[in-house]
Amino acid sequence: MKIKNTFKGNKSSLPSKICAQCGLSMTWRKSWAKNWDEIKYCSDKCRTLSKAKV
């Protein structure tokens, strides 16, 4: 999914996902632009907790 450079401060128009660990909604961030499709967790804490479960 590509994000157009038309962002003008309206965060409701940005895509969002649900964190696979905690279930919270996470909104697209510029730092996630290159790998947005692969993002599953909202934070490092959720990522490490999910690996500890297995």
N, C-alpha and C. Protein backbone atom coordinates (compact mmCIF):
# COMPACT_ATOMS: atom_id res chain seq x y z
N MET A 1 0.85 -1.18 0.00
CA MET A 1 0.00 0.00 0.00
C MET A 1 0.89 1.23 0.00
N LYS A 2 0.68 2.12 -0.91
CA LYS A 2 1.46 3.35 -1.00
C LYS A 2 0.66 4.49 -0.39
N ILE A 3 1.36 5.35 0.33
CA ILE A 3 0.76 6.54 0.92
C ILE A 3 1.16 7.73 0.06
N LYS A 4 0.20 8.46 -0.41
CA LYS A 4 0.50 9.62 -1.22
C LYS A 4 1.00 10.75 -0.34
N ASN A 5 1.75 11.65 -0.90
CA ASN A 5 2.29 12.78 -0.16
C ASN A 5 1.27 13.90 -0.02
N THR A 6 0.02 13.55 0.23
CA THR A 6 -1.02 14.54 0.39
C THR A 6 -1.43 14.70 1.85
N PHE A 7 -0.64 14.16 2.76
CA PHE A 7 -0.95 14.27 4.18
C PHE A 7 -0.84 15.72 4.62
N LYS A 8 -1.92 16.23 5.18
CA LYS A 8 -1.94 17.62 5.62
C LYS A 8 -2.40 17.72 7.07
N GLY A 9 -2.01 16.75 7.89
CA GLY A 9 -2.34 16.80 9.30
C GLY A 9 -3.61 16.08 9.68
N ASN A 10 -4.30 15.45 8.74
CA ASN A 10 -5.52 14.73 9.03
C ASN A 10 -5.20 13.26 9.24
N LYS A 11 -4.96 12.87 10.50
CA LYS A 11 -4.53 11.50 10.78
C LYS A 11 -5.63 10.47 10.54
N SER A 12 -6.87 10.89 10.48
CA SER A 12 -7.95 9.93 10.25
C SER A 12 -7.90 9.35 8.84
N SER A 13 -7.18 10.00 7.93
CA SER A 13 -7.09 9.47 6.57
C SER A 13 -5.94 8.48 6.40
N LEU A 14 -5.10 8.31 7.44
CA LEU A 14 -3.99 7.37 7.37
C LEU A 14 -4.49 5.95 7.64
N PRO A 15 -3.86 4.94 7.01
CA PRO A 15 -4.27 3.56 7.27
C PRO A 15 -3.90 3.13 8.68
N SER A 16 -4.59 2.13 9.18
CA SER A 16 -4.29 1.62 10.51
C SER A 16 -4.41 0.10 10.51
N LYS A 17 -3.82 -0.51 11.55
CA LYS A 17 -3.86 -1.96 11.74
C LYS A 17 -4.08 -2.25 13.21
N ILE A 18 -4.39 -3.49 13.51
CA ILE A 18 -4.53 -3.94 14.88
C ILE A 18 -3.28 -4.74 15.26
N CYS A 19 -2.70 -4.44 16.42
CA CYS A 19 -1.52 -5.15 16.89
C CYS A 19 -1.87 -6.61 17.17
N ALA A 20 -1.02 -7.52 16.69
CA ALA A 20 -1.27 -8.96 16.84
C ALA A 20 -1.14 -9.42 18.29
N GLN A 21 -0.44 -8.67 19.12
CA GLN A 21 -0.23 -9.07 20.50
C GLN A 21 -1.26 -8.46 21.45
N CYS A 22 -1.36 -7.13 21.45
CA CYS A 22 -2.20 -6.46 22.46
C CYS A 22 -3.57 -6.05 21.94
N GLY A 23 -3.77 -6.03 20.63
CA GLY A 23 -5.07 -5.70 20.07
C GLY A 23 -5.35 -4.22 19.93
N LEU A 24 -4.37 -3.37 20.22
CA LEU A 24 -4.56 -1.93 20.06
C LEU A 24 -4.42 -1.53 18.60
N SER A 25 -5.08 -0.46 18.24
CA SER A 25 -4.99 0.05 16.88
C SER A 25 -3.70 0.85 16.74
N MET A 26 -2.99 0.64 15.64
CA MET A 26 -1.78 1.42 15.37
C MET A 26 -1.93 2.09 14.03
N THR A 27 -1.60 3.36 13.99
CA THR A 27 -1.73 4.17 12.78
C THR A 27 -0.40 4.20 12.04
N TRP A 28 -0.48 4.26 10.72
CA TRP A 28 0.69 4.31 9.85
C TRP A 28 1.65 5.40 10.32
N ARG A 29 2.95 5.07 10.28
CA ARG A 29 4.00 6.02 10.62
C ARG A 29 4.96 6.11 9.44
N LYS A 30 5.56 7.26 9.29
CA LYS A 30 6.49 7.45 8.17
C LYS A 30 7.64 6.45 8.24
N SER A 31 8.09 6.12 9.45
CA SER A 31 9.19 5.18 9.59
C SER A 31 8.80 3.76 9.16
N TRP A 32 7.51 3.47 9.08
CA TRP A 32 7.02 2.16 8.64
C TRP A 32 6.68 2.15 7.15
N ALA A 33 6.95 3.21 6.44
CA ALA A 33 6.52 3.34 5.05
C ALA A 33 7.06 2.23 4.16
N LYS A 34 8.32 1.83 4.35
CA LYS A 34 8.92 0.83 3.47
C LYS A 34 8.41 -0.58 3.72
N ASN A 35 7.96 -0.87 4.94
CA ASN A 35 7.55 -2.24 5.25
C ASN A 35 6.21 -2.30 5.98
N TRP A 36 5.28 -1.45 5.63
CA TRP A 36 3.98 -1.39 6.29
C TRP A 36 3.24 -2.72 6.21
N ASP A 37 3.36 -3.45 5.12
CA ASP A 37 2.66 -4.72 4.96
C ASP A 37 3.19 -5.79 5.93
N GLU A 38 4.43 -5.64 6.39
CA GLU A 38 5.04 -6.63 7.27
C GLU A 38 4.89 -6.29 8.76
N ILE A 39 4.43 -5.11 9.08
CA ILE A 39 4.29 -4.68 10.48
C ILE A 39 3.16 -5.48 11.13
N LYS A 40 3.46 -6.11 12.29
CA LYS A 40 2.46 -6.88 13.02
C LYS A 40 2.24 -6.36 14.44
N TYR A 41 3.28 -5.75 15.01
CA TYR A 41 3.24 -5.36 16.42
C TYR A 41 3.44 -3.85 16.56
N CYS A 42 2.80 -3.28 17.57
CA CYS A 42 2.86 -1.84 17.77
C CYS A 42 4.15 -1.38 18.45
N SER A 43 4.84 -2.28 19.12
CA SER A 43 6.05 -1.88 19.87
C SER A 43 7.00 -3.06 20.01
N ASP A 44 8.22 -2.76 20.49
CA ASP A 44 9.19 -3.81 20.76
C ASP A 44 8.70 -4.71 21.88
N LYS A 45 8.01 -4.15 22.85
CA LYS A 45 7.49 -4.93 23.96
C LYS A 45 6.52 -6.01 23.46
N CYS A 46 5.60 -5.62 22.60
CA CYS A 46 4.64 -6.59 22.05
C CYS A 46 5.35 -7.66 21.22
N ARG A 47 6.36 -7.27 20.47
CA ARG A 47 7.10 -8.22 19.65
C ARG A 47 7.81 -9.25 20.54
N THR A 48 8.46 -8.81 21.61
CA THR A 48 9.16 -9.75 22.49
C THR A 48 8.18 -10.62 23.29
N LEU A 49 7.04 -10.06 23.69
CA LEU A 49 6.05 -10.85 24.40
C LEU A 49 5.48 -11.95 23.52
N SER A 50 5.31 -11.67 22.25
CA SER A 50 4.76 -12.68 21.35
C SER A 50 5.74 -13.82 21.16
N LYS A 51 7.03 -13.54 21.16
CA LYS A 51 8.04 -14.59 21.02
C LYS A 51 8.17 -15.39 22.30
N ALA A 52 7.92 -14.77 23.44
CA ALA A 52 8.00 -15.46 24.73
C ALA A 52 6.85 -16.45 24.89
N LYS A 53 5.72 -16.17 24.25
CA LYS A 53 4.54 -17.04 24.30
C LYS A 53 4.80 -18.39 23.67
N VAL A 54 5.54 -18.39 22.57
CA VAL A 54 5.76 -19.60 21.76
C VAL A 54 6.65 -20.55 22.41
